[in-house]
Amino acid sequence: MQMIQTGFGMLTPLAFGLVYLICSLTAVRAEADKKAHVASSGDSNRTTCMEIQRHNNTAVCCENQLYPAAELSYCGEKAFNPEEATCCPYENGSTITEGLSEKVSACCGLKAYDQLNQICCHGTILVKPGPNAQCCDKKAFDVDEQMCCGPLTNKTILTKESSDHRCCGQNSFNPTTQCCCSINESLRIRSKDSRCCEKADCGQNTYNTSDKLCCQSTVVSKNVSNAQCCGKQAFNNDTQLCCGPSDDKIILERISIDHLCCGRNRFDTNKECCCLTKEGLQIQQINSSCRRDQGQSSDAPAVFNPHIGVCCGRCVSDWNPSTDQLHGPPGQHSCRTKVYRPHAGIISDGPRTPHFCGSKAYNIKDPGMKCCAGTLHNLTQVPEAQCCGAILKNKTNVCCLSEHMEVLYSNKTGFECCGHLYYNTSLWSCCAGTLSAVPPRGQHPKSILRSLGNLNETDLCGKLQVGIVERDGLNGIVFNSVLIIHGRNASVIPRSALHTLSTGTDGCSNAKLVPGKSYFFDDVKVNVFTDFNHDSILQSIYFIISKCHTNI
């Protein structure tokens, strides 16, 4: 009996690995066969767009034309790829800014900008002078080092001499030794023992008028020299709004000079209107019935949500979010007389294989084909290209990736990746995938997170491991339930204990990983991999073995 237990104990890891592998291949093949069957079948879930029947999936058939790129969206009537460009709509149309993904951008008037390293001030895009930059009229200033002083229409930027200094008109003063006095309707700086720095009564208290306010019998400190009362609080009329009825005031940030109060909320007068309805004051779109009832034009462009729809001329089409594009059975669209697969956008009548990129079948052993997040690319022109999200990266671009996304950027001197963000090293420092607005320590460690789909065949088919993150420590990442994968040998062997991937002494090169989630990793090159092409570890393992083993 003892001999049987010992023998069983010796065989358990190997047996487990074989069972796991057999189950993996069987399950994924069954799933692929099912997917291939569905892809070749019709689908009754159709809608009509400009007299064209189409399936409610990810591709778009618009204006009787077939657009083959699965990742295209629309900016007005122009097609563009939001992975590589940004659409900025305005009152009479829209513009496209190339070279900046919509994942990390915002619009400043007609042009998109990088929110991390730039700032939009009254329609002008400026480089941030510091991590905590703000606008001072049409200029940018560093809140930690500078002050923005003066009336709303005549601002000036001053050096902040100390943390105590405040504005007095277009000058600064230290309220511990000075006061800001209103003399003949002008603001003047005087010593604190000056007559203008007299005290006044506020309820049962007295206060210094130079740096205090009396708001509803309550003494409050002035945050700026021209502060005003908002209920029982002080607010800066240049940068804030005081909204609400007299007995229920609230202070809101003034996002722009075009923002006004609507009850206890704010609205943008360029895009919205404040309407009096039966339920009270409500903010509505500028082309709403409320606006038309007030005599405004009703010719405003139709509003649509780019995350659930695309607009092409007069055609608004359903659009599934990018996170859904890798899930669910592909349907078929009809554009004139052509039938096509929605994700690939083209007709595919070739032989079926159990491997799909999105909804398109392909041979994973073909070095001329590469799957990037559900989009299949032909590598005849760029044989060594790598994926960045759903697009191919060339040598002049940089791809930054985090746990959930990859973003393509134009290469810039003095910039580095921190997760999926591309940061200016003079403004930020990065540690373990997190940016900090502190002076850099001289070096900017590279993240160890990589994309599994960009591994070369030698590394992919050699020894890889996959495990569940137990914890992310200072000196390494601890994994449990670890499997050792040899793709070329088609073997999967479990480890019997916790395994630590040593990453360094300070942990700053560690990626921001999610405890309880599975990742592939390489002990030798100290890299962690995430897979944007497959929905499960099961599918990823099947892909590795199918790609590497000669008999599969």
Protein backbone atom coordinates (compact mmCIF):
# COMPACT_ATOMS: atom_id res chain seq x y z
CA MET A 1 0.00 0.00 0.00
CA GLN A 2 2.85 2.33 0.83
CA MET A 3 4.44 1.68 -2.57
CA ILE A 4 1.24 2.63 -4.38
CA GLN A 5 0.96 5.94 -2.50
CA THR A 6 4.60 6.81 -3.20
CA GLY A 7 4.26 5.99 -6.89
CA PHE A 8 1.06 7.98 -7.09
CA GLY A 9 2.71 10.94 -5.39
CA MET A 10 5.55 10.91 -7.92
CA LEU A 11 3.19 10.82 -10.87
CA THR A 12 0.75 13.46 -9.68
CA PRO A 13 2.47 16.55 -11.19
CA LEU A 14 3.07 14.89 -14.55
CA ALA A 15 -0.41 13.38 -14.65
CA PHE A 16 -1.92 16.72 -13.78
CA GLY A 17 0.06 18.40 -16.54
CA LEU A 18 -1.02 15.85 -19.14
CA VAL A 19 -4.67 16.05 -18.12
CA TYR A 20 -4.50 19.85 -18.18
CA LEU A 21 -2.94 19.84 -21.64
CA ILE A 22 -5.40 17.30 -23.09
CA CYS A 23 -8.36 19.21 -21.65
CA SER A 24 -6.92 22.47 -22.97
CA LEU A 25 -6.50 21.26 -26.52
CA THR A 26 -9.88 19.49 -26.58
CA ALA A 27 -11.80 22.42 -25.12
CA VAL A 28 -10.23 25.07 -27.30
CA ARG A 29 -10.57 22.99 -30.44
CA ALA A 30 -14.25 22.48 -29.67
CA GLU A 31 -14.64 26.19 -29.13
CA ALA A 32 -12.81 26.99 -32.39
CA ASP A 33 -14.90 24.48 -34.38
CA LYS A 34 -18.06 26.02 -32.98
CA LYS A 35 -16.80 29.47 -33.88
CA ALA A 36 -15.98 28.37 -37.42
CA HIS A 37 -19.48 26.89 -37.80
CA VAL A 38 -21.15 30.06 -36.57
CA ALA A 39 -18.97 32.21 -38.81
CA SER A 40 -20.22 30.32 -41.87
CA SER A 41 -23.89 30.57 -40.87
CA GLY A 42 -26.33 33.39 -41.48
CA ASP A 43 -27.58 35.74 -38.81
CA SER A 44 -31.04 37.22 -38.54
CA ASN A 45 -30.03 40.04 -36.19
CA ARG A 46 -30.04 42.78 -38.81
CA THR A 47 -31.01 46.43 -39.07
CA THR A 48 -31.33 48.81 -42.02
CA CYS A 49 -28.97 51.73 -42.51
CA MET A 50 -29.56 53.92 -45.59
CA GLU A 51 -31.55 51.05 -47.19
CA ILE A 52 -28.72 48.60 -46.44
CA GLN A 53 -29.20 45.51 -44.34
CA ARG A 54 -26.44 45.07 -41.76
CA HIS A 55 -25.73 42.97 -38.69
CA ASN A 56 -25.42 44.75 -35.33
CA ASN A 57 -21.75 43.96 -34.73
CA THR A 58 -18.47 45.78 -34.96
CA ALA A 59 -17.99 46.74 -38.62
CA VAL A 60 -19.92 49.47 -40.39
CA CYS A 61 -21.60 49.60 -43.78
CA CYS A 62 -22.37 53.24 -44.58
CA GLU A 63 -23.59 55.21 -47.61
CA ASN A 64 -23.76 51.96 -49.66
CA GLN A 65 -20.01 51.45 -49.25
CA LEU A 66 -18.13 48.63 -47.56
CA TYR A 67 -15.34 49.67 -45.17
CA PRO A 68 -13.01 46.68 -44.54
CA ALA A 69 -11.04 47.95 -41.50
CA ALA A 70 -12.63 46.59 -38.35
CA GLU A 71 -11.09 49.28 -36.15
CA LEU A 72 -12.40 52.26 -38.17
CA SER A 73 -14.72 54.82 -36.66
CA TYR A 74 -16.12 57.96 -38.20
CA CYS A 75 -15.49 61.66 -37.74
CA GLY A 76 -18.28 63.41 -39.57
CA GLU A 77 -18.18 61.67 -42.93
CA LYS A 78 -14.49 60.70 -42.75
CA ALA A 79 -13.24 57.30 -41.61
CA PHE A 80 -10.38 57.22 -39.09
CA ASN A 81 -8.71 54.81 -36.68
CA PRO A 82 -9.19 55.93 -33.04
CA GLU A 83 -6.11 53.84 -32.13
CA GLU A 84 -3.98 56.31 -34.10
CA ALA A 85 -6.01 59.51 -34.29
CA THR A 86 -8.59 61.65 -32.46
CA CYS A 87 -11.83 63.18 -33.71
CA CYS A 88 -12.74 66.63 -32.40
CA PRO A 89 -16.33 67.68 -33.21
CA TYR A 90 -17.43 71.30 -33.33
CA GLU A 91 -20.59 73.18 -34.20
CA ASN A 92 -20.27 72.98 -37.98
CA GLY A 93 -18.39 69.72 -38.40
CA SER A 94 -15.37 67.88 -37.04
CA THR A 95 -11.60 67.57 -37.50
CA ILE A 96 -9.15 64.66 -37.18
CA THR A 97 -5.80 64.95 -35.36
CA GLU A 98 -3.44 62.23 -36.56
CA GLY A 99 -0.78 60.60 -34.39
CA LEU A 100 -2.63 60.77 -31.05
CA SER A 101 -4.90 57.95 -29.87
CA GLU A 102 -8.35 58.78 -28.52
CA LYS A 103 -7.50 56.58 -25.51
CA VAL A 104 -5.28 59.31 -24.01
CA SER A 105 -6.36 62.54 -25.70
CA ALA A 106 -8.81 65.39 -25.25
CA CYS A 107 -9.93 68.11 -27.62
CA CYS A 108 -8.86 71.73 -27.39
CA GLY A 109 -11.10 73.43 -29.89
CA LEU A 110 -10.42 71.80 -33.25
CA LYS A 111 -7.23 69.99 -32.23
CA ALA A 112 -6.50 67.06 -29.91
CA TYR A 113 -3.81 67.18 -27.24
CA ASP A 114 -2.01 64.93 -24.75
CA GLN A 115 -3.69 65.55 -21.38
CA LEU A 116 -0.76 64.16 -19.38
CA ASN A 117 1.93 66.50 -20.69
CA GLN A 118 -0.06 69.37 -22.21
CA ILE A 119 -2.82 71.75 -21.13
CA CYS A 120 -5.53 73.57 -23.05
CA CYS A 121 -5.91 77.25 -22.11
CA HIS A 122 -8.72 79.12 -23.86
CA GLY A 123 -8.29 77.17 -27.10
CA THR A 124 -4.47 77.17 -27.03
CA ILE A 125 -2.46 73.97 -26.46
CA LEU A 126 0.57 74.54 -24.21
CA VAL A 127 3.30 72.35 -22.73
CA LYS A 128 2.79 71.95 -18.98
CA PRO A 129 5.46 73.90 -17.02
CA GLY A 130 4.95 71.53 -14.07
CA PRO A 131 2.88 68.49 -13.05
CA ASN A 132 0.31 70.70 -11.27
CA ALA A 133 -0.15 73.15 -14.12
CA GLN A 134 -3.19 75.38 -14.47
CA CYS A 135 -4.29 78.08 -16.88
CA CYS A 136 -3.72 81.78 -16.30
CA ASP A 137 -5.77 83.30 -19.09
CA LYS A 138 -4.06 81.98 -22.26
CA LYS A 139 -0.83 81.00 -20.48
CA ALA A 140 0.06 78.01 -18.30
CA PHE A 141 1.65 78.28 -14.86
CA ASP A 142 3.02 75.89 -12.24
CA VAL A 143 0.83 76.09 -9.12
CA ASP A 144 3.70 74.86 -6.93
CA GLU A 145 6.11 77.59 -8.05
CA GLN A 146 3.98 80.42 -9.42
CA MET A 147 0.85 82.51 -8.85
CA CYS A 148 -1.77 83.78 -11.28
CA CYS A 149 -2.90 87.23 -10.18
CA GLY A 150 -5.11 90.00 -11.48
CA PRO A 151 -8.72 90.45 -12.66
CA LEU A 152 -10.33 87.94 -14.97
CA THR A 153 -9.53 89.93 -18.12
CA ASN A 154 -5.97 91.00 -17.20
CA LYS A 155 -4.06 88.14 -15.56
CA THR A 156 -0.32 88.01 -14.88
CA ILE A 157 1.98 85.19 -13.67
CA LEU A 158 4.18 85.87 -10.62
CA THR A 159 6.83 83.83 -8.83
CA LYS A 160 5.49 82.35 -5.58
CA GLU A 161 7.92 83.70 -2.96
CA SER A 162 6.48 81.53 -0.18
CA SER A 163 3.52 79.28 0.54
CA ASP A 164 1.94 82.17 2.50
CA HIS A 165 1.88 84.64 -0.37
CA ARG A 166 -1.46 85.70 -1.86
CA CYS A 167 -2.54 87.92 -4.74
CA CYS A 168 -3.36 91.60 -4.34
CA GLY A 169 -4.50 92.72 -7.77
CA GLN A 170 -1.59 92.00 -10.10
CA ASN A 171 0.91 91.85 -7.23
CA SER A 172 1.58 89.41 -4.37
CA PHE A 173 1.79 90.01 -0.62
CA ASN A 174 2.55 88.07 2.55
CA PRO A 175 -0.52 88.22 4.84
CA THR A 176 1.63 87.45 7.91
CA THR A 177 3.29 90.88 7.62
CA GLN A 178 1.14 92.77 5.09
CA CYS A 179 -2.43 93.39 4.07
CA CYS A 180 -4.17 94.09 0.78
CA CYS A 181 -6.29 97.24 1.04
CA SER A 182 -8.90 98.69 -1.27
CA ILE A 183 -8.02 102.40 -1.70
CA ASN A 184 -9.97 104.53 -4.18
CA GLU A 185 -11.26 101.35 -5.85
CA SER A 186 -7.72 100.06 -6.33
CA LEU A 187 -5.93 97.29 -4.42
CA ARG A 188 -2.80 98.38 -2.52
CA ILE A 189 -0.32 96.46 -0.34
CA ARG A 190 0.35 97.97 3.07
CA SER A 191 2.12 96.87 6.24
CA LYS A 192 -0.07 95.09 8.73
CA ASP A 193 -0.04 98.04 11.17
CA SER A 194 -1.50 100.34 8.53
CA ARG A 195 -4.84 102.00 9.19
CA CYS A 196 -6.36 100.21 6.23
CA CYS A 197 -5.76 96.91 7.98
CA GLU A 198 -8.46 97.67 10.49
CA LYS A 199 -10.73 95.12 12.05
CA ALA A 200 -14.47 94.92 11.56
CA ASP A 201 -17.35 93.22 13.32
CA CYS A 202 -18.89 89.97 12.11
CA GLY A 203 -21.67 88.75 14.36
CA GLN A 204 -20.05 88.50 17.78
CA ASN A 205 -16.51 88.41 16.34
CA THR A 206 -14.05 90.90 14.88
CA TYR A 207 -11.93 90.22 11.82
CA ASN A 208 -9.15 91.71 9.71
CA THR A 209 -10.64 92.87 6.42
CA SER A 210 -7.35 92.34 4.56
CA ASP A 211 -7.39 88.56 4.77
CA LYS A 212 -10.85 87.67 6.11
CA LEU A 213 -14.48 87.92 5.00
CA CYS A 214 -17.73 88.03 6.90
CA CYS A 215 -20.14 85.60 5.28
CA GLN A 216 -23.56 85.30 6.93
CA SER A 217 -22.13 86.26 10.36
CA THR A 218 -19.28 83.76 9.89
CA VAL A 219 -15.62 84.83 9.61
CA VAL A 220 -13.85 82.99 6.78
CA SER A 221 -10.35 83.31 5.31
CA LYS A 222 -9.84 84.81 1.89
CA ASN A 223 -8.30 82.32 -0.51
CA VAL A 224 -7.55 85.28 -2.85
CA SER A 225 -7.57 89.01 -2.26
CA ASN A 226 -10.77 89.54 -4.30
CA ALA A 227 -12.62 86.63 -2.69
CA GLN A 228 -16.39 86.85 -2.32
CA CYS A 229 -18.95 85.11 -0.15
CA CYS A 230 -20.88 82.05 -1.30
CA GLY A 231 -23.22 81.19 1.51
CA LYS A 232 -20.93 80.77 4.54
CA GLN A 233 -17.83 80.12 2.41
CA ALA A 234 -15.37 82.24 0.43
CA PHE A 235 -14.86 81.59 -3.27
CA ASN A 236 -12.70 82.86 -6.09
CA ASN A 237 -14.97 84.34 -8.74
CA ASP A 238 -12.24 84.00 -11.38
CA THR A 239 -11.85 80.22 -11.06
CA GLN A 240 -15.07 79.14 -9.31
CA LEU A 241 -18.83 79.44 -9.56
CA CYS A 242 -21.25 80.04 -6.69
CA CYS A 243 -24.41 78.17 -7.64
CA GLY A 244 -27.77 77.43 -6.07
CA PRO A 245 -30.49 79.33 -4.17
CA SER A 246 -29.48 81.76 -1.42
CA ASP A 247 -30.13 79.23 1.35
CA ASP A 248 -28.38 76.30 -0.38
CA LYS A 249 -25.23 77.50 -2.13
CA ILE A 250 -22.51 75.27 -3.57
CA ILE A 251 -19.06 76.16 -4.95
CA LEU A 252 -18.12 74.55 -8.29
CA GLU A 253 -14.98 74.77 -10.38
CA ARG A 254 -15.30 77.22 -13.28
CA ILE A 255 -14.11 74.98 -16.13
CA SER A 256 -14.11 77.87 -18.62
CA ILE A 257 -15.45 81.40 -18.99
CA ASP A 258 -18.34 79.86 -20.96
CA HIS A 259 -19.60 77.88 -17.95
CA LEU A 260 -22.50 79.31 -15.93
CA CYS A 261 -24.78 78.11 -13.14
CA CYS A 262 -27.97 76.15 -13.69
CA GLY A 263 -29.43 75.65 -10.23
CA ARG A 264 -26.78 73.80 -8.22
CA ASN A 265 -25.04 72.58 -11.38
CA ARG A 266 -22.94 74.19 -14.12
CA PHE A 267 -23.34 74.03 -17.89
CA ASP A 268 -21.34 74.95 -20.98
CA THR A 269 -23.20 77.67 -22.87
CA ASN A 270 -21.52 76.57 -26.12
CA LYS A 271 -23.02 73.06 -25.98
CA GLU A 272 -25.87 73.15 -23.44
CA CYS A 273 -28.76 75.22 -22.22
CA CYS A 274 -30.42 75.64 -18.82
CA CYS A 275 -34.11 74.83 -19.11
CA LEU A 276 -36.96 75.43 -16.68
CA THR A 277 -39.09 72.27 -16.67
CA LYS A 278 -41.81 70.88 -14.43
CA GLU A 279 -39.06 69.18 -12.39
CA GLY A 280 -37.13 72.43 -12.02
CA LEU A 281 -33.95 73.65 -13.73
CA GLN A 282 -32.37 71.01 -15.97
CA ILE A 283 -29.35 71.02 -18.28
CA GLN A 284 -30.09 69.85 -21.83
CA GLN A 285 -28.26 69.71 -25.15
CA ILE A 286 -28.25 72.97 -27.09
CA ASN A 287 -30.33 71.34 -29.89
CA SER A 288 -33.01 70.07 -27.48
CA SER A 289 -36.69 70.92 -27.68
CA CYS A 290 -36.18 73.24 -24.71
CA ARG A 291 -33.67 75.27 -26.72
CA ARG A 292 -35.95 75.36 -29.78
CA ASP A 293 -38.87 76.46 -27.62
CA GLN A 294 -36.74 79.48 -26.67
CA GLY A 295 -36.46 80.50 -30.32
CA GLN A 296 -33.08 78.87 -31.09
CA SER A 297 -32.22 77.10 -34.34
CA SER A 298 -33.06 73.42 -34.62
CA ASP A 299 -30.42 72.77 -37.30
CA ALA A 300 -27.78 71.55 -34.84
CA PRO A 301 -26.05 68.27 -35.76
CA ALA A 302 -27.39 65.00 -34.39
CA VAL A 303 -25.80 63.86 -31.14
CA PHE A 304 -24.49 60.31 -30.79
CA ASN A 305 -22.34 58.37 -28.34
CA PRO A 306 -19.12 57.27 -30.08
CA HIS A 307 -18.81 54.33 -27.67
CA ILE A 308 -22.08 52.74 -28.86
CA GLY A 309 -22.53 54.21 -32.33
CA VAL A 310 -20.74 55.63 -35.34
CA CYS A 311 -21.96 58.50 -37.48
CA CYS A 312 -21.30 58.53 -41.23
CA GLY A 313 -23.14 61.32 -43.02
CA ARG A 314 -26.82 60.72 -42.31
CA CYS A 315 -26.14 57.18 -41.11
CA VAL A 316 -25.86 56.39 -37.40
CA SER A 317 -24.80 52.77 -36.93
CA ASP A 318 -24.61 50.57 -33.86
CA TRP A 319 -21.08 49.95 -32.64
CA ASN A 320 -19.95 47.44 -30.01
CA PRO A 321 -17.27 48.65 -27.58
CA SER A 322 -13.74 47.52 -28.40
CA THR A 323 -13.75 45.24 -25.36
CA ASP A 324 -16.63 43.28 -26.92
CA GLN A 325 -15.03 42.86 -30.32
CA LEU A 326 -13.24 39.67 -29.31
CA HIS A 327 -16.34 38.02 -27.86
CA GLY A 328 -19.46 36.44 -29.26
CA PRO A 329 -20.21 34.83 -32.64
CA PRO A 330 -19.59 36.99 -35.71
CA GLY A 331 -22.63 37.82 -37.82
CA GLN A 332 -22.81 38.89 -41.43
CA HIS A 333 -23.53 42.25 -43.04
CA SER A 334 -25.05 42.94 -46.42
CA CYS A 335 -23.71 45.97 -48.27
CA ARG A 336 -25.35 46.17 -51.70
CA THR A 337 -24.88 42.61 -52.96
CA LYS A 338 -21.75 41.74 -50.92
CA VAL A 339 -21.85 39.55 -47.85
CA TYR A 340 -18.94 40.01 -45.47
CA ARG A 341 -17.77 39.13 -41.98
CA PRO A 342 -18.21 42.16 -39.74
CA HIS A 343 -14.93 42.11 -37.81
CA ALA A 344 -12.67 41.52 -40.82
CA GLY A 345 -14.94 43.48 -43.13
CA ILE A 346 -14.16 41.30 -46.17
CA ILE A 347 -15.34 38.05 -47.72
CA SER A 348 -13.38 35.03 -46.57
CA ASP A 349 -14.07 31.86 -48.58
CA GLY A 350 -10.77 30.06 -47.79
CA PRO A 351 -10.34 26.79 -45.89
CA ARG A 352 -11.27 26.79 -42.22
CA THR A 353 -8.64 26.35 -39.50
CA PRO A 354 -9.25 26.19 -35.76
CA HIS A 355 -7.47 29.53 -35.24
CA PHE A 356 -9.18 32.89 -35.52
CA CYS A 357 -8.07 36.48 -35.31
CA GLY A 358 -11.29 38.20 -34.34
CA SER A 359 -13.68 36.42 -36.67
CA LYS A 360 -11.19 35.73 -39.46
CA ALA A 361 -9.56 32.32 -39.85
CA TYR A 362 -5.81 32.20 -40.40
CA ASN A 363 -2.79 29.89 -40.24
CA ILE A 364 -0.83 30.78 -37.12
CA LYS A 365 2.30 29.08 -38.50
CA ASP A 366 2.37 31.50 -41.44
CA PRO A 367 5.11 34.07 -40.63
CA GLY A 368 3.48 36.51 -43.02
CA MET A 369 0.34 36.87 -40.87
CA LYS A 370 0.08 38.55 -37.48
CA CYS A 371 -2.95 38.90 -35.20
CA CYS A 372 -3.17 42.13 -33.22
CA ALA A 373 -6.01 42.29 -30.68
CA GLY A 374 -8.51 40.73 -33.09
CA THR A 375 -7.24 42.42 -36.27
CA LEU A 376 -5.29 40.33 -38.80
CA HIS A 377 -2.33 41.95 -40.61
CA ASN A 378 -0.30 40.87 -43.63
CA LEU A 379 3.43 41.26 -42.89
CA THR A 380 4.73 41.13 -46.47
CA GLN A 381 5.73 44.81 -46.30
CA VAL A 382 6.87 44.87 -42.65
CA PRO A 383 8.07 41.34 -41.76
CA GLU A 384 9.35 42.27 -38.27
CA ALA A 385 6.50 44.55 -37.22
CA GLN A 386 5.02 44.22 -33.76
CA CYS A 387 1.50 44.79 -32.44
CA CYS A 388 0.35 47.79 -30.49
CA GLY A 389 -3.30 47.23 -29.71
CA ALA A 390 -5.01 46.39 -32.98
CA ILE A 391 -2.44 48.14 -35.19
CA LEU A 392 1.17 47.52 -36.27
CA LYS A 393 4.00 49.52 -34.74
CA ASN A 394 6.81 50.79 -36.94
CA LYS A 395 10.32 51.78 -35.86
CA THR A 396 9.47 55.48 -35.49
CA ASN A 397 6.68 54.83 -32.96
CA VAL A 398 6.60 53.82 -29.31
CA CYS A 399 4.05 51.42 -27.83
CA CYS A 400 3.18 51.82 -24.15
CA LEU A 401 1.15 49.10 -22.50
CA SER A 402 -0.55 48.53 -19.18
CA GLU A 403 -2.70 45.74 -17.80
CA HIS A 404 -5.71 46.69 -19.94
CA MET A 405 -4.49 48.51 -23.04
CA GLU A 406 -1.73 49.33 -25.51
CA VAL A 407 -1.35 52.87 -26.89
CA LEU A 408 0.79 53.98 -29.86
CA TYR A 409 2.78 57.24 -29.66
CA SER A 410 5.19 59.13 -31.90
CA ASN A 411 8.72 58.79 -30.52
CA LYS A 412 9.86 61.87 -28.56
CA THR A 413 13.15 62.70 -26.88
CA GLY A 414 12.87 62.91 -23.09
CA PHE A 415 9.71 60.77 -22.89
CA GLU A 416 9.27 57.30 -21.38
CA CYS A 417 6.43 54.80 -20.90
CA CYS A 418 4.65 54.37 -17.57
CA GLY A 419 1.97 51.77 -18.15
CA HIS A 420 0.05 52.92 -21.23
CA LEU A 421 1.00 56.58 -20.65
CA TYR A 422 3.93 58.31 -22.40
CA TYR A 423 5.29 60.84 -19.94
CA ASN A 424 7.68 63.79 -20.01
CA THR A 425 10.61 62.83 -17.73
CA SER A 426 11.12 66.48 -16.76
CA LEU A 427 7.61 66.55 -15.22
CA TRP A 428 7.02 63.06 -13.87
CA SER A 429 8.71 60.01 -12.41
CA CYS A 430 7.36 56.48 -12.69
CA CYS A 431 7.46 53.63 -10.18
CA ALA A 432 5.66 50.30 -10.66
CA GLY A 433 3.36 51.70 -13.33
CA THR A 434 2.33 54.76 -11.29
CA LEU A 435 3.25 58.37 -12.10
CA SER A 436 4.29 60.79 -9.37
CA ALA A 437 4.55 64.56 -9.61
CA VAL A 438 7.94 64.58 -7.90
CA PRO A 439 11.47 65.27 -9.15
CA PRO A 440 12.88 62.21 -10.96
CA ARG A 441 15.65 60.28 -9.27
CA GLY A 442 17.94 60.36 -12.28
CA GLN A 443 16.80 57.08 -13.83
CA HIS A 444 13.51 55.93 -15.28
CA PRO A 445 13.24 52.12 -14.95
CA LYS A 446 11.72 50.23 -17.86
CA SER A 447 8.55 48.25 -17.12
CA ILE A 448 8.84 44.46 -17.25
CA LEU A 449 5.31 44.11 -18.74
CA ARG A 450 5.29 42.91 -22.36
CA SER A 451 2.77 41.67 -24.92
CA LEU A 452 2.73 37.90 -25.44
CA GLY A 453 1.80 38.38 -29.09
CA ASN A 454 5.08 40.21 -29.80
CA LEU A 455 7.38 37.41 -28.56
CA ASN A 456 9.68 35.97 -31.20
CA GLU A 457 9.39 32.26 -31.93
CA THR A 458 12.53 31.34 -29.95
CA ASP A 459 11.23 32.87 -26.72
CA LEU A 460 7.62 31.85 -27.28
CA CYS A 461 8.46 28.21 -27.95
CA GLY A 462 11.09 27.84 -25.21
CA LYS A 463 10.33 27.78 -21.50
CA LEU A 464 7.49 30.04 -20.37
CA GLN A 465 5.58 29.96 -17.10
CA VAL A 466 2.10 31.06 -16.18
CA GLY A 467 0.74 31.64 -12.69
CA ILE A 468 -1.68 33.57 -10.52
CA VAL A 469 -0.33 36.69 -8.78
CA GLU A 470 -0.27 36.05 -5.03
CA ARG A 471 1.32 39.40 -4.12
CA ASP A 472 3.58 42.04 -5.59
CA GLY A 473 6.50 42.59 -3.23
CA LEU A 474 9.38 45.06 -3.16
CA ASN A 475 11.91 42.58 -4.53
CA GLY A 476 9.68 40.45 -6.72
CA ILE A 477 6.29 39.12 -7.77
CA VAL A 478 5.00 36.00 -6.02
CA PHE A 479 2.93 33.56 -8.14
CA ASN A 480 0.88 30.54 -7.10
CA SER A 481 -0.56 27.66 -9.20
CA VAL A 482 2.37 27.98 -11.59
CA LEU A 483 2.56 25.91 -14.82
CA ILE A 484 5.79 25.45 -16.81
CA ILE A 485 5.07 25.46 -20.55
CA HIS A 486 7.39 24.10 -23.26
CA GLY A 487 5.61 24.92 -26.50
CA ARG A 488 8.02 23.05 -28.74
CA ASN A 489 7.59 19.85 -26.67
CA ALA A 490 3.83 20.41 -26.14
CA SER A 491 4.26 19.90 -22.39
CA VAL A 492 2.62 21.61 -19.43
CA ILE A 493 4.04 20.77 -15.98
CA PRO A 494 2.79 22.28 -12.68
CA ARG A 495 5.06 23.61 -9.95
CA SER A 496 4.35 22.32 -6.48
CA ALA A 497 5.04 25.54 -4.53
CA LEU A 498 4.88 29.33 -4.70
CA HIS A 499 7.33 30.89 -7.13
CA THR A 500 8.92 34.35 -6.91
CA LEU A 501 9.97 36.29 -10.01
CA SER A 502 12.88 38.46 -8.81
CA THR A 503 12.53 41.94 -10.34
CA GLY A 504 15.12 44.12 -8.58
CA THR A 505 15.80 45.99 -5.39
CA ASP A 506 13.28 48.85 -5.42
CA GLY A 507 10.29 47.32 -7.26
CA CYS A 508 9.90 50.34 -9.56
CA SER A 509 10.34 48.26 -12.71
CA ASN A 510 7.42 46.04 -11.61
CA ALA A 511 4.28 46.34 -13.65
CA LYS A 512 1.00 47.23 -11.97
CA LEU A 513 -0.43 43.71 -11.79
CA VAL A 514 -3.79 42.58 -10.43
CA PRO A 515 -3.64 40.10 -7.51
CA GLY A 516 -5.61 36.95 -8.30
CA LYS A 517 -5.13 37.31 -12.06
CA SER A 518 -3.00 35.00 -14.24
CA TYR A 519 0.07 36.18 -16.18
CA PHE A 520 2.78 34.54 -18.26
CA PHE A 521 6.36 35.25 -17.20
CA ASP A 522 9.97 34.52 -18.10
CA ASP A 523 12.46 33.85 -15.28
CA VAL A 524 15.54 34.39 -17.44
CA LYS A 525 14.75 37.75 -19.05
CA VAL A 526 12.56 38.83 -16.10
CA ASN A 527 9.50 39.81 -18.10
CA VAL A 528 5.77 39.49 -17.45
CA PHE A 529 3.39 39.03 -20.38
CA THR A 530 -0.25 39.89 -20.96
CA ASP A 531 -2.18 38.54 -23.96
CA PHE A 532 -4.43 40.92 -25.88
CA ASN A 533 -5.32 38.32 -28.52
CA HIS A 534 -7.06 35.70 -26.38
CA ASP A 535 -9.81 35.75 -23.79
CA SER A 536 -8.43 33.12 -21.43
CA ILE A 537 -5.21 31.44 -20.30
CA LEU A 538 -6.60 28.24 -21.85
CA GLN A 539 -6.72 29.82 -25.30
CA SER A 540 -3.25 31.34 -24.84
CA ILE A 541 -1.68 27.97 -23.96
CA TYR A 542 -3.39 26.35 -26.94
CA PHE A 543 -2.03 29.13 -29.19
CA ILE A 544 1.55 28.62 -27.89
CA ILE A 545 1.53 24.85 -28.39
CA SER A 546 -0.21 25.06 -31.80
CA LYS A 547 2.30 27.67 -32.95
CA CYS A 548 5.38 25.81 -31.71
CA HIS A 549 4.74 22.05 -31.95
CA THR A 550 5.26 20.52 -35.36
CA ASN A 551 2.51 17.89 -35.06
CA ILE A 552 -0.33 20.27 -34.14
